[in-house]
Protein backbone atom coordinates (compact mmCIF):
# COMPACT_ATOMS: atom_id res chain seq x y z
CA MET A 1 -3.41 -12.41 9.61
CA ALA A 2 -5.54 -12.36 12.78
CA LEU A 3 -2.42 -11.81 15.27
CA GLY A 4 -2.06 -10.12 18.39
CA LEU A 5 -0.17 -6.64 18.35
CA GLY A 6 3.28 -5.73 19.03
CA LEU A 7 3.45 -2.03 20.14
CA LEU A 8 6.70 -0.35 19.33
CA GLY A 9 7.37 3.55 19.88
CA VAL A 10 9.95 5.24 17.73
CA PRO A 11 10.24 8.69 19.12
CA THR A 12 12.14 10.21 16.42
CA SER A 13 12.03 13.74 14.31
CA ALA A 14 15.82 13.13 12.82
CA GLY A 15 14.48 12.88 9.30
CA SER A 16 11.78 15.73 9.63
CA HIS A 17 11.55 19.41 8.96
CA ASN A 18 11.56 20.13 12.74
CA ALA A 19 10.96 18.63 16.19
CA GLY A 20 7.82 17.77 17.90
CA GLN A 21 7.04 14.26 16.39
CA GLU A 22 9.53 12.49 18.88
CA LYS A 23 7.02 13.34 21.68
CA ALA A 24 4.20 11.24 19.99
CA PRO A 25 4.78 7.74 21.55
CA ALA A 26 4.76 9.06 24.84
CA ALA A 27 1.73 11.17 24.26
CA LEU A 28 -0.39 8.52 22.74
CA ARG A 29 0.14 6.25 25.58
CA ALA A 30 -0.63 8.94 27.89
CA ALA A 31 -3.81 9.71 26.01
CA GLY A 32 -4.75 5.98 26.63
CA LEU A 33 -3.91 4.22 23.56
CA VAL A 34 -3.08 0.90 25.04
CA ALA A 35 -6.14 0.63 27.31
CA ALA A 36 -8.17 1.71 24.23
CA LEU A 37 -6.55 -1.21 22.02
CA ARG A 38 -7.54 -3.63 24.87
CA THR A 39 -10.97 -2.39 25.32
CA ALA A 40 -11.41 -2.93 21.49
CA GLY A 41 -10.59 -6.69 22.04
CA LEU A 42 -6.98 -6.69 21.08
CA ASP A 43 -4.18 -8.65 22.60
CA VAL A 44 -1.31 -6.14 22.94
CA GLU A 45 2.25 -6.68 23.95
CA ASP A 46 4.04 -3.31 24.45
CA THR A 47 7.70 -3.68 23.56
CA GLY A 48 8.68 -0.16 24.58
CA ASP A 49 10.26 2.71 22.74
CA LEU A 50 13.60 2.95 21.23
CA ALA A 51 16.06 6.06 22.29
CA VAL A 52 14.54 9.51 21.59
CA ARG A 53 16.26 11.10 18.51
CA ARG A 54 15.14 14.76 18.26
CA HIS A 55 15.67 16.97 15.15
CA ARG A 56 18.85 18.71 14.90
CA PRO A 57 19.52 21.65 12.51
CA SER A 58 22.27 20.35 10.07
CA PRO A 59 23.23 21.28 6.58
CA PRO A 60 22.30 18.93 3.64
CA VAL A 61 25.21 16.50 2.22
CA ASP A 62 24.70 15.22 -1.15
CA GLY A 63 21.26 16.45 -1.26
CA VAL A 64 19.88 14.99 2.38
CA ARG A 65 20.05 15.77 5.92
CA ALA A 66 20.86 13.88 8.94
CA LEU A 67 21.42 10.61 6.89
CA ASP A 68 23.51 8.66 9.42
CA ARG A 69 21.04 9.39 12.21
CA VAL A 70 17.98 8.21 10.11
CA VAL A 71 19.77 5.14 8.81
CA GLU A 72 20.50 4.27 12.70
CA VAL A 73 16.79 4.53 13.48
CA VAL A 74 15.63 2.75 10.31
CA THR A 75 18.20 -0.26 11.03
CA GLU A 76 17.11 -0.45 14.67
CA VAL A 77 13.16 -0.30 13.61
CA ALA A 78 13.71 -3.01 11.01
CA ASP A 79 15.47 -5.54 13.46
CA ARG A 80 12.66 -4.73 16.34
CA VAL A 81 9.74 -5.24 13.89
CA ALA A 82 11.43 -8.38 12.49
CA ALA A 83 11.36 -9.70 15.87
CA ILE A 84 7.80 -8.80 16.64
CA ARG A 85 6.70 -10.63 13.53
CA ALA A 86 8.69 -13.69 14.39
CA ALA A 87 6.88 -13.78 17.79
CA GLY A 88 3.67 -14.06 15.68
CA ARG A 89 2.27 -10.51 16.25
CA ARG A 90 1.46 -7.72 13.97
CA PRO A 91 3.37 -4.46 14.37
CA LEU A 92 1.67 -1.30 15.65
CA VAL A 93 4.55 1.25 15.24
CA LEU A 94 4.35 4.82 16.62
CA GLY A 95 6.30 7.21 14.90
CA GLY A 96 8.05 9.48 14.70
CA ASP A 97 8.49 10.83 11.14
CA CYS A 98 7.85 9.07 7.97
CA THR A 99 11.23 7.37 7.60
CA VAL A 100 10.05 4.98 10.40
CA THR A 101 8.15 3.35 7.61
CA LEU A 102 11.15 2.15 5.63
CA GLY A 103 12.26 0.28 8.84
CA VAL A 104 8.97 -1.36 9.57
CA LEU A 105 8.78 -2.64 5.83
CA ALA A 106 12.21 -3.80 5.81
CA GLY A 107 11.74 -5.92 8.89
CA LEU A 108 8.37 -7.21 7.58
CA ALA A 109 10.02 -7.92 4.21
CA ARG A 110 12.45 -10.41 6.16
CA HIS A 111 9.05 -12.73 6.54
CA ASP A 112 6.78 -11.75 4.10
CA ASP A 113 5.96 -10.72 0.39
CA VAL A 114 4.57 -7.31 1.77
CA GLY A 115 2.87 -4.50 0.00
CA LEU A 116 1.96 -0.92 1.42
CA ALA A 117 -0.84 1.07 1.42
CA TYR A 118 0.54 4.54 1.92
CA VAL A 119 -2.10 6.73 3.48
CA ASP A 120 -0.46 10.30 3.40
CA GLY A 121 -1.12 13.87 2.51
CA ASP A 122 1.93 13.55 0.45
CA ALA A 123 3.47 11.15 -2.27
CA ASP A 124 7.06 11.47 -0.66
CA LEU A 125 8.60 11.16 -3.99
CA ASN A 126 11.08 13.72 -3.77
CA THR A 127 14.69 13.04 -4.54
CA PRO A 128 18.04 14.35 -3.20
CA ALA A 129 18.67 15.83 -6.51
CA GLY A 130 15.53 17.41 -6.76
CA SER A 131 14.89 18.57 -3.12
CA THR A 132 15.47 22.08 -1.78
CA SER A 133 15.03 21.03 1.64
CA GLY A 134 17.14 17.69 1.89
CA VAL A 135 14.50 16.69 4.42
CA LEU A 136 14.52 12.75 4.18
CA ASP A 137 10.74 12.19 5.38
CA THR A 138 9.78 13.86 2.15
CA MET A 139 11.64 11.07 -0.03
CA GLY A 140 10.31 7.84 1.75
CA VAL A 141 8.47 6.54 -1.33
CA THR A 142 11.59 7.23 -3.47
CA HIS A 143 13.64 4.98 -1.12
CA LEU A 144 11.34 2.27 -1.10
CA LEU A 145 11.32 2.15 -5.01
CA GLY A 146 15.02 1.73 -4.92
CA GLY A 147 15.89 5.57 -5.47
CA GLY A 148 17.59 8.28 -3.45
CA ALA A 149 20.33 7.78 -0.95
CA PRO A 150 21.79 4.00 -1.30
CA ALA A 151 22.17 3.63 2.57
CA LEU A 152 18.31 3.98 2.87
CA ALA A 153 17.35 2.44 -0.45
CA ASP A 154 19.51 -0.58 0.48
CA ILE A 155 18.02 -0.97 4.00
CA GLY A 156 15.80 -4.13 3.30
CA PRO A 157 16.44 -7.63 2.24
CA ARG A 158 16.00 -6.76 -1.37
CA THR A 159 16.40 -3.47 -3.40
CA PRO A 160 14.02 -2.03 -4.50
CA LEU A 161 12.20 -2.85 -0.94
CA LEU A 162 9.07 -2.44 -2.98
CA PRO A 163 7.94 -3.25 -6.73
CA GLY A 164 5.91 -0.24 -8.04
CA ASP A 165 2.74 -2.78 -8.10
CA HIS A 166 3.12 -3.38 -4.45
CA LEU A 167 2.43 0.27 -3.46
CA GLU A 168 -0.85 2.19 -3.22
CA LEU A 169 -0.57 5.82 -2.79
CA PHE A 170 -3.92 6.81 -0.98
CA GLY A 171 -5.17 10.17 0.21
CA PHE A 172 -2.48 12.62 -1.07
CA ASP A 173 -3.19 16.07 -1.92
CA PRO A 174 -2.48 16.25 -5.98
CA GLY A 175 -1.53 20.11 -5.53
CA GLU A 176 1.46 19.00 -3.48
CA LEU A 177 3.18 17.11 -6.15
CA ASP A 178 5.60 18.87 -8.61
CA THR A 179 6.14 17.84 -12.18
CA ASP A 180 8.97 15.55 -11.24
CA GLN A 181 7.02 13.71 -8.68
CA TRP A 182 4.40 13.29 -11.19
CA THR A 183 6.81 11.93 -13.48
CA ARG A 184 8.34 9.48 -11.08
CA LEU A 185 4.83 8.30 -10.09
CA VAL A 186 4.17 7.58 -13.62
CA GLU A 187 7.37 6.16 -14.60
CA HIS A 188 6.98 3.44 -11.71
CA ARG A 189 3.29 2.83 -12.78
CA LEU A 190 2.23 3.70 -9.23
CA SER A 191 -1.53 3.28 -8.38
CA ALA A 192 -2.50 6.71 -6.91
CA THR A 193 -6.03 7.46 -5.16
CA PRO A 194 -5.64 11.23 -4.36
CA ALA A 195 -7.58 12.78 -1.61
CA PRO A 196 -10.84 14.24 -3.78
CA VAL A 197 -11.23 10.71 -5.10
CA VAL A 198 -10.84 9.08 -1.64
CA ARG A 199 -13.41 11.77 -0.21
CA ALA A 200 -16.08 10.75 -2.47
CA ALA A 201 -16.15 7.10 -1.43
CA PRO A 202 -13.40 6.35 1.55
CA ALA A 203 -14.31 2.79 2.24
CA GLY A 204 -15.04 1.89 -1.55
CA LYS A 205 -11.78 3.11 -2.75
CA ALA A 206 -9.93 1.70 0.29
CA ALA A 207 -11.36 -1.80 -0.84
CA GLU A 208 -10.37 -1.28 -4.51
CA ALA A 209 -6.82 -0.55 -3.31
CA VAL A 210 -6.83 -3.49 -1.05
CA GLU A 211 -7.89 -5.47 -3.82
CA ARG A 212 -5.10 -4.51 -6.04
CA LEU A 213 -2.63 -5.44 -3.14
CA GLU A 214 -4.16 -8.87 -2.73
CA ALA A 215 -3.72 -9.70 -6.36
CA VAL A 216 0.18 -9.26 -6.08
CA CYS A 217 1.26 -9.74 -2.34
CA SER A 218 0.48 -12.09 0.72
CA THR A 219 0.21 -9.18 3.20
CA PHE A 220 0.56 -5.43 3.28
CA LEU A 221 1.66 -2.72 5.77
CA VAL A 222 -0.61 0.36 6.37
CA HIS A 223 1.39 3.61 6.72
CA LEU A 224 -0.90 6.43 8.24
CA ASP A 225 0.68 9.80 8.26
CA VAL A 226 -1.73 12.19 10.01
CA ASP A 227 -1.04 14.93 7.71
CA VAL A 228 -3.74 13.17 5.23
CA LEU A 229 -6.23 14.85 7.52
CA ASP A 230 -7.33 18.35 7.05
CA THR A 231 -5.44 20.69 9.21
CA ASN A 232 -8.77 22.83 9.67
CA ASP A 233 -10.42 19.67 11.21
CA VAL A 234 -7.73 17.81 12.92
CA PRO A 235 -4.45 19.87 13.28
CA LEU A 236 -2.27 16.93 14.54
CA ALA A 237 0.18 16.91 11.86
CA ASN A 238 3.88 18.25 12.16
CA PHE A 239 3.40 19.97 8.70
CA PRO A 240 -0.19 21.63 7.98
CA HIS A 241 -2.46 20.15 4.98
CA SER A 242 -5.40 22.07 4.25
CA ALA A 243 -6.96 19.94 1.53
CA GLY A 244 -7.19 16.62 3.54
CA LEU A 245 -9.45 14.28 4.78
CA SER A 246 -12.00 14.47 7.60
CA LEU A 247 -11.42 12.22 10.49
CA GLY A 248 -14.57 10.59 9.54
CA GLU A 249 -13.36 9.81 5.96
CA LEU A 250 -10.19 8.45 7.40
CA ALA A 251 -11.96 6.31 9.62
CA GLY A 252 -13.95 4.80 6.74
CA ALA A 253 -10.83 4.01 4.87
CA LEU A 254 -8.92 2.70 7.74
CA ASP A 255 -11.49 0.35 8.60
CA VAL A 256 -11.24 -1.50 5.40
CA PHE A 257 -7.33 -1.45 5.27
CA CYS A 258 -6.64 -2.52 8.92
CA GLY A 259 -9.79 -4.77 9.06
CA ASN A 260 -8.58 -6.89 6.38
CA ALA A 261 -7.09 -10.24 7.12
CA ALA A 262 -3.97 -9.64 4.79
CA CYS A 263 -3.14 -6.36 6.95
CA ALA A 264 0.25 -6.85 8.42
CA GLY A 265 0.48 -4.02 10.60
CA LEU A 266 0.00 -0.25 11.04
CA VAL A 267 2.59 2.55 11.30
CA LEU A 268 1.43 5.84 12.58
CA THR A 269 3.64 8.97 11.94
CA GLU A 270 4.02 12.72 11.92
CA VAL A 271 1.68 13.26 14.96
CA ASP A 272 2.97 16.33 16.90
CA PRO A 273 1.26 16.63 20.54
CA ASP A 274 2.24 20.24 20.62
CA HIS A 275 -0.65 20.68 18.23
CA ASP A 276 -3.08 19.29 20.74
CA PRO A 277 -2.75 21.67 23.70
CA ASP A 278 -6.05 20.88 25.38
CA GLY A 279 -5.71 17.13 24.80
CA THR A 280 -8.89 16.65 22.90
CA LEU A 281 -7.57 15.55 19.32
CA LEU A 282 -5.27 12.46 20.39
CA PRO A 283 -8.23 10.48 21.96
CA GLN A 284 -10.03 11.09 18.65
CA LEU A 285 -7.28 9.76 16.72
CA ILE A 286 -6.84 6.71 19.25
CA ASP A 287 -10.51 5.82 18.92
CA VAL A 288 -10.28 5.53 15.08
CA VAL A 289 -7.00 3.39 15.19
CA ALA A 290 -8.51 1.28 18.03
CA THR A 291 -11.68 0.85 16.14
CA ALA A 292 -10.01 -0.01 12.84
CA LEU A 293 -7.71 -2.38 14.28
CA SER A 294 -10.59 -4.26 16.39
CA PRO A 295 -10.81 -8.05 15.76
CA GLY A 296 -14.51 -7.55 15.35
CA ARG A 297 -13.82 -5.83 12.11
CA LEU A 298 -11.35 -8.68 10.43
CA ARG A 299 -12.50 -9.88 7.35
CA ALA A 300 -11.03 -11.93 4.67
């Protein structure tokens, strides 16, 4: 899928624990993202940003917070991504919290049999019934698999939006999963490559994940939550993770995922620019993303 990129900013923290991530699309552009992509040889059409939705404290209703606002965002994202895909481009979507990925996948699924490489420090398999916080971006995978709040689970052209074999959990901290999440992982027969396994061979493990996805779907989306990175190395994430990957380890895996011809696009989530006060971390992340998406790395 050697297509030009359609860049879309989704400045939302509506589905998160707190505010901050809504600043990411503007901060990434200001740090030189578009120029870096074009320097890497990419044809980029910047389609702009959706309206800003900043986190608002609210009580949980039926186990979730801010459902109406998140559904509004996700629906808009799905429409915009479907249009980017219809125009013959791959979406590069700048979140925003992890609920953004629901909309991206829903938009792509209108056109393609799409899978998902979920590169994230968490498995995001919480449920409204089991969550103590009600925060929706901890439940993203649950909704993709058809569980959770029906308004999100039914957001795409089919329910579940993803069969279990169309999903690769990659880079999560196994210590972050409780018993219920492990149970759901097993029940859905999800392919899971935790951070310690990735760390031993980032490119090799990514290649194995791609091989499994290509066996069951024609294209796949890459979801990248920067909390997959070790906070002690790159503290960009909205929520800290101290057992994550190094930036170099992430780069090795991302090159394989995004460099594959079946890659349908990339979603970047959970970046909090307030965690980069001296402006040194965002350019490093941009370099990793631009290099991974570079057409010179594209391979079948």
